[in-house]
Structure formats: C-alpha cells, structure tokens
Amino acid sequence: MMFAAVLLACAVSIVMLVVRAAKGPTAFDRILAVNSIGTVIILGISLHGFALGRPEFVDISILYAVLNFLGTLAILRFYRSSAVDNEDIV
C-alpha cells in the first residue's frame, strides 16, 4: 500500500515536471525540469528494486544518475558555448 502511494507521488511529480518543461520561460528552466524528471525516475527505480528485494536495481539507478548528470552537463556546455539567446529557444 505504501509502495503504491510513493509511486503515485512520483508519477504526479513527473507530470508536474513535464508541464514545467513544456511551459518553462527559459531554456534553463526546461533543463532543470528534465534533470528533475531524471532524479524522480532514479528514485522510482530504487524504490522498485527495494519493493522487489532486488539490490541490483540500486546499481542501475546509480548508473542512470551518472548518465543524467553527464547529460545535463553536456547540454549546459552546449548552451554556454552557443551564440543562441536563451529566450529564443522553443
């Protein structure tokens, strides 16, 4: 019962973050929302592994966290080095 409630809370937060990613006034708001979605998915993977009693899911979530972090850094470097104004990005 508690597991379902936590997964429901994660799903609601992902929906709110998707709305934020779609409506974000700047590109950095969108990047932050996508990074937060990745963080909530990492939490969901870890919770799922805990509920099933499979500790290898923690390794998968750590790998996903590293990929999420590196992807965010790559996108931020791209925006920093590009000459595109942040307000013009759709």
N, C-alpha and C. Protein backbone atom coordinates (compact mmCIF):
# COMPACT_ATOMS: atom_id res chain seq x y z
N MET A 1 0.82 -1.20 0.00
CA MET A 1 0.00 0.00 0.00
C MET A 1 0.86 1.26 0.00
N MET A 2 1.87 1.28 0.87
CA MET A 2 2.76 2.43 0.94
C MET A 2 3.57 2.57 -0.34
N PHE A 3 3.97 1.44 -0.92
CA PHE A 3 4.73 1.45 -2.17
C PHE A 3 3.91 2.09 -3.29
N ALA A 4 2.64 1.75 -3.36
CA ALA A 4 1.77 2.33 -4.39
C ALA A 4 1.60 3.83 -4.17
N ALA A 5 1.51 4.26 -2.93
CA ALA A 5 1.35 5.68 -2.64
C ALA A 5 2.60 6.47 -3.05
N VAL A 6 3.77 5.90 -2.79
CA VAL A 6 5.01 6.57 -3.16
C VAL A 6 5.16 6.63 -4.67
N LEU A 7 4.83 5.54 -5.37
CA LEU A 7 4.90 5.56 -6.83
C LEU A 7 3.88 6.53 -7.43
N LEU A 8 2.74 6.66 -6.80
CA LEU A 8 1.74 7.63 -7.26
C LEU A 8 2.27 9.06 -7.07
N ALA A 9 2.92 9.31 -5.94
CA ALA A 9 3.51 10.62 -5.70
C ALA A 9 4.61 10.92 -6.73
N CYS A 10 5.41 9.92 -7.07
CA CYS A 10 6.43 10.09 -8.10
C CYS A 10 5.79 10.38 -9.46
N ALA A 11 4.71 9.69 -9.77
CA ALA A 11 4.03 9.91 -11.04
C ALA A 11 3.45 11.32 -11.12
N VAL A 12 2.86 11.77 -10.04
CA VAL A 12 2.29 13.13 -10.00
C VAL A 12 3.40 14.16 -10.16
N SER A 13 4.53 13.95 -9.50
CA SER A 13 5.63 14.91 -9.63
C SER A 13 6.21 14.90 -11.03
N ILE A 14 6.26 13.74 -11.69
CA ILE A 14 6.74 13.70 -13.07
C ILE A 14 5.79 14.45 -13.99
N VAL A 15 4.49 14.31 -13.78
CA VAL A 15 3.53 15.05 -14.61
C VAL A 15 3.71 16.55 -14.41
N MET A 16 3.88 16.98 -13.18
CA MET A 16 4.09 18.41 -12.93
C MET A 16 5.40 18.89 -13.55
N LEU A 17 6.43 18.06 -13.52
CA LEU A 17 7.71 18.45 -14.12
C LEU A 17 7.62 18.49 -15.65
N VAL A 18 6.83 17.61 -16.24
CA VAL A 18 6.64 17.66 -17.69
C VAL A 18 5.94 18.97 -18.08
N VAL A 19 4.97 19.37 -17.28
CA VAL A 19 4.30 20.65 -17.54
C VAL A 19 5.30 21.80 -17.41
N ARG A 20 6.17 21.74 -16.41
CA ARG A 20 7.18 22.78 -16.23
C ARG A 20 8.17 22.79 -17.40
N ALA A 21 8.52 21.60 -17.88
CA ALA A 21 9.45 21.53 -19.01
C ALA A 21 8.80 22.09 -20.28
N ALA A 22 7.51 21.93 -20.42
CA ALA A 22 6.83 22.44 -21.61
C ALA A 22 6.59 23.94 -21.52
N LYS A 23 6.32 24.46 -20.32
CA LYS A 23 5.96 25.86 -20.17
C LYS A 23 7.11 26.75 -19.71
N GLY A 24 8.27 26.16 -19.44
CA GLY A 24 9.36 26.94 -18.88
C GLY A 24 9.68 28.18 -19.68
N PRO A 25 9.80 29.32 -19.02
CA PRO A 25 10.04 30.54 -19.78
C PRO A 25 11.44 30.59 -20.41
N THR A 26 12.42 29.93 -19.81
CA THR A 26 13.76 29.92 -20.37
C THR A 26 14.22 28.49 -20.60
N ALA A 27 15.30 28.37 -21.35
CA ALA A 27 15.86 27.05 -21.62
C ALA A 27 16.39 26.41 -20.34
N PHE A 28 16.92 27.22 -19.45
CA PHE A 28 17.47 26.67 -18.21
C PHE A 28 16.38 26.11 -17.30
N ASP A 29 15.19 26.69 -17.33
CA ASP A 29 14.06 26.11 -16.59
C ASP A 29 13.70 24.74 -17.15
N ARG A 30 13.75 24.63 -18.47
CA ARG A 30 13.44 23.34 -19.10
C ARG A 30 14.50 22.29 -18.78
N ILE A 31 15.77 22.71 -18.79
CA ILE A 31 16.86 21.78 -18.46
C ILE A 31 16.73 21.31 -17.02
N LEU A 32 16.42 22.22 -16.12
CA LEU A 32 16.23 21.85 -14.72
C LEU A 32 15.07 20.89 -14.54
N ALA A 33 13.98 21.11 -15.27
CA ALA A 33 12.83 20.21 -15.17
C ALA A 33 13.17 18.82 -15.70
N VAL A 34 13.90 18.74 -16.81
CA VAL A 34 14.27 17.43 -17.35
C VAL A 34 15.24 16.72 -16.40
N ASN A 35 16.15 17.45 -15.80
CA ASN A 35 17.06 16.86 -14.82
C ASN A 35 16.28 16.36 -13.60
N SER A 36 15.29 17.10 -13.18
CA SER A 36 14.46 16.67 -12.05
C SER A 36 13.63 15.43 -12.39
N ILE A 37 13.17 15.35 -13.63
CA ILE A 37 12.46 14.14 -14.06
C ILE A 37 13.38 12.94 -13.95
N GLY A 38 14.62 13.10 -14.38
CA GLY A 38 15.59 12.02 -14.25
C GLY A 38 15.82 11.62 -12.80
N THR A 39 15.86 12.59 -11.92
CA THR A 39 16.05 12.30 -10.50
C THR A 39 14.87 11.52 -9.93
N VAL A 40 13.65 11.89 -10.31
CA VAL A 40 12.47 11.17 -9.83
C VAL A 40 12.44 9.75 -10.39
N ILE A 41 12.88 9.58 -11.63
CA ILE A 41 12.95 8.23 -12.21
C ILE A 41 13.98 7.39 -11.47
N ILE A 42 15.10 7.98 -11.09
CA ILE A 42 16.11 7.27 -10.30
C ILE A 42 15.50 6.82 -8.98
N LEU A 43 14.74 7.68 -8.35
CA LEU A 43 14.06 7.32 -7.10
C LEU A 43 13.08 6.18 -7.33
N GLY A 44 12.33 6.24 -8.43
CA GLY A 44 11.38 5.17 -8.75
C GLY A 44 12.06 3.84 -9.00
N ILE A 45 13.21 3.84 -9.69
CA ILE A 45 13.95 2.60 -9.92
C ILE A 45 14.43 2.02 -8.60
N SER A 46 14.94 2.86 -7.74
CA SER A 46 15.43 2.39 -6.43
C SER A 46 14.29 1.84 -5.58
N LEU A 47 13.16 2.53 -5.58
CA LEU A 47 12.01 2.04 -4.81
C LEU A 47 11.48 0.72 -5.36
N HIS A 48 11.48 0.61 -6.67
CA HIS A 48 11.01 -0.63 -7.30
C HIS A 48 11.94 -1.79 -6.92
N GLY A 49 13.23 -1.56 -6.94
CA GLY A 49 14.18 -2.59 -6.53
C GLY A 49 14.03 -2.97 -5.07
N PHE A 50 13.76 -1.97 -4.22
CA PHE A 50 13.55 -2.26 -2.80
C PHE A 50 12.30 -3.09 -2.59
N ALA A 51 11.24 -2.76 -3.31
CA ALA A 51 9.98 -3.49 -3.14
C ALA A 51 10.10 -4.93 -3.62
N LEU A 52 10.86 -5.14 -4.68
CA LEU A 52 11.02 -6.50 -5.20
C LEU A 52 12.14 -7.28 -4.51
N GLY A 53 12.91 -6.62 -3.67
CA GLY A 53 14.00 -7.29 -2.97
C GLY A 53 15.17 -7.59 -3.90
N ARG A 54 15.41 -6.72 -4.88
CA ARG A 54 16.49 -6.92 -5.84
C ARG A 54 17.49 -5.77 -5.70
N PRO A 55 18.59 -6.01 -5.00
CA PRO A 55 19.55 -4.93 -4.74
C PRO A 55 20.30 -4.46 -5.99
N GLU A 56 20.27 -5.23 -7.08
CA GLU A 56 20.97 -4.79 -8.28
C GLU A 56 20.30 -3.58 -8.94
N PHE A 57 19.06 -3.29 -8.57
CA PHE A 57 18.40 -2.10 -9.10
C PHE A 57 19.08 -0.83 -8.61
N VAL A 58 19.73 -0.90 -7.45
CA VAL A 58 20.46 0.26 -6.95
C VAL A 58 21.62 0.57 -7.88
N ASP A 59 22.30 -0.47 -8.38
CA ASP A 59 23.38 -0.25 -9.34
C ASP A 59 22.86 0.39 -10.61
N ILE A 60 21.72 -0.05 -11.07
CA ILE A 60 21.12 0.52 -12.28
C ILE A 60 20.76 1.98 -12.04
N SER A 61 20.23 2.29 -10.86
CA SER A 61 19.85 3.68 -10.59
C SER A 61 21.09 4.57 -10.44
N ILE A 62 22.18 4.04 -9.90
CA ILE A 62 23.42 4.82 -9.81
C ILE A 62 23.97 5.11 -11.20
N LEU A 63 23.94 4.12 -12.08
CA LEU A 63 24.38 4.32 -13.45
C LEU A 63 23.50 5.36 -14.16
N TYR A 64 22.21 5.28 -13.95
CA TYR A 64 21.29 6.26 -14.55
C TYR A 64 21.55 7.65 -13.99
N ALA A 65 21.90 7.75 -12.71
CA ALA A 65 22.20 9.05 -12.11
C ALA A 65 23.44 9.66 -12.74
N VAL A 66 24.46 8.84 -12.97
CA VAL A 66 25.67 9.35 -13.61
C VAL A 66 25.37 9.82 -15.03
N LEU A 67 24.59 9.03 -15.78
CA LEU A 67 24.23 9.43 -17.14
C LEU A 67 23.38 10.70 -17.14
N ASN A 68 22.49 10.82 -16.19
CA ASN A 68 21.65 12.02 -16.07
C ASN A 68 22.53 13.25 -15.79
N PHE A 69 23.48 13.10 -14.91
CA PHE A 69 24.38 14.20 -14.57
C PHE A 69 25.23 14.59 -15.76
N LEU A 70 25.81 13.61 -16.45
CA LEU A 70 26.65 13.91 -17.60
C LEU A 70 25.85 14.53 -18.75
N GLY A 71 24.64 14.04 -18.94
CA GLY A 71 23.79 14.62 -19.97
C GLY A 71 23.44 16.07 -19.68
N THR A 72 23.16 16.37 -18.43
CA THR A 72 22.86 17.75 -18.05
C THR A 72 24.07 18.64 -18.25
N LEU A 73 25.25 18.15 -17.88
CA LEU A 73 26.46 18.94 -18.10
C LEU A 73 26.71 19.18 -19.58
N ALA A 74 26.48 18.18 -20.40
CA ALA A 74 26.68 18.32 -21.85
C ALA A 74 25.73 19.35 -22.43
N ILE A 75 24.48 19.32 -22.02
CA ILE A 75 23.51 20.28 -22.54
C ILE A 75 23.86 21.70 -22.07
N LEU A 76 24.26 21.84 -20.82
CA LEU A 76 24.63 23.16 -20.32
C LEU A 76 25.86 23.70 -21.02
N ARG A 77 26.83 22.83 -21.32
CA ARG A 77 28.01 23.27 -22.08
C ARG A 77 27.62 23.70 -23.48
N PHE A 78 26.68 22.98 -24.08
CA PHE A 78 26.23 23.35 -25.42
C PHE A 78 25.59 24.73 -25.41
N TYR A 79 24.73 25.01 -24.43
CA TYR A 79 24.08 26.31 -24.37
C TYR A 79 25.06 27.41 -24.00
N ARG A 80 26.07 27.09 -23.22
CA ARG A 80 27.05 28.09 -22.85
C ARG A 80 27.92 28.48 -24.04
N SER A 81 28.26 27.50 -24.87
CA SER A 81 29.15 27.78 -25.98
C SER A 81 28.42 28.26 -27.23
N SER A 82 27.11 28.08 -27.29
CA SER A 82 26.38 28.52 -28.48
C SER A 82 26.06 30.01 -28.38
N ALA A 83 25.85 30.60 -29.54
CA ALA A 83 25.57 32.03 -29.59
C ALA A 83 24.06 32.29 -29.56
N VAL A 84 23.27 31.25 -29.35
CA VAL A 84 21.82 31.40 -29.35
C VAL A 84 21.38 32.01 -28.02
N ASP A 85 20.51 32.98 -28.10
CA ASP A 85 19.97 33.58 -26.88
C ASP A 85 19.01 32.61 -26.23
N ASN A 86 19.01 32.54 -24.92
CA ASN A 86 18.19 31.56 -24.20
C ASN A 86 16.70 31.81 -24.36
N GLU A 87 16.30 33.02 -24.61
CA GLU A 87 14.88 33.34 -24.72
C GLU A 87 14.31 32.91 -26.07
N ASP A 88 15.16 32.70 -27.07
CA ASP A 88 14.69 32.35 -28.40
C ASP A 88 14.46 30.85 -28.59
N ILE A 89 14.92 30.04 -27.66
CA ILE A 89 14.81 28.59 -27.80
C ILE A 89 13.39 28.17 -27.46
N VAL A 90 12.80 27.40 -28.35
CA VAL A 90 11.41 26.97 -28.16
C VAL A 90 11.36 25.66 -27.46
